[in-house]
């Protein structure tokens, strides 16, 4: 895996690449304390087993990438940024793979520029929409009062992450380390509360339904891998969201991953990567 920086939309973004001779897969990570290292255990499967060139971007304000002003986290602004990113990376019609927030961004990119992508892979994202019903400033204030952005030591952070992911590995430890930094004797989130709030606000302002309709009309190949384990209070809403997604995007291959929680790449990296790679190969992406 090698790293490089690209200038896109006035920000310097960190891109990680797992090299191979095959066509490109462009990965955008989830929202929260994440980075392109979210793909660190799945990318080698895609590159070594299937021959795909995997390029993972640290979104603005995450991992090793520069932050943008609050308004640049709106979905239309991120779609423009992602379109510029494809050009800056000099890749010809990549397959977009996104986890959670990355799936939402990818959905809107694909709806706006289907000709720029060869396929779209959504990892438990893009089929639901929720809102806090707050202004951006209210969201910032809300998250500034929450835990999870600052820890006394690395071990305190790792202990929480182990419970959250349900497993642990050197790859997951490196991934978690890549989303935090040491500051004033503590371990703090690189993303921080304000970037988190701005990104959430951006998603809330752009419901997915019109983009899903356009995506369905485009005919672009779509794979949706949905989590199986959801809180009981979300089961009915999740089922309705999947049904609506399937209606609006009739060409989509919708699969529920048995026993899997929301963060598929952390819990089932090899299995999910094999599903992703096999699906792309079955559609002639080689």
Foldseek 3Di string as FASTA:
>chain_A
DDWDWFQFPNKIKIKDKDAFDAAEEEEEEAFDLFFQLLLVLQVVCCCVVQRYIYIYIGPDLFQPIHHDPLVCLALVNLLRRVVRVLVRVVGAAEEYEYAALSLCSQLLNCLVCVNRHQAYEYQAYLLDADDPPDDLVVQLVVQVPDPDFKAQDLVVVVVVVCVVLVHDDPSVSVRSQSQWDDDPNIIGGSNDRNNSSSNRVNRNVDRRQVSLLSSQVVLREYEYEHEDDDPPVCPVVVVVSVVSSCVSNVNYDYHYDPPGDRSCCSHPSHVVSCVVSVVCVVVVRD
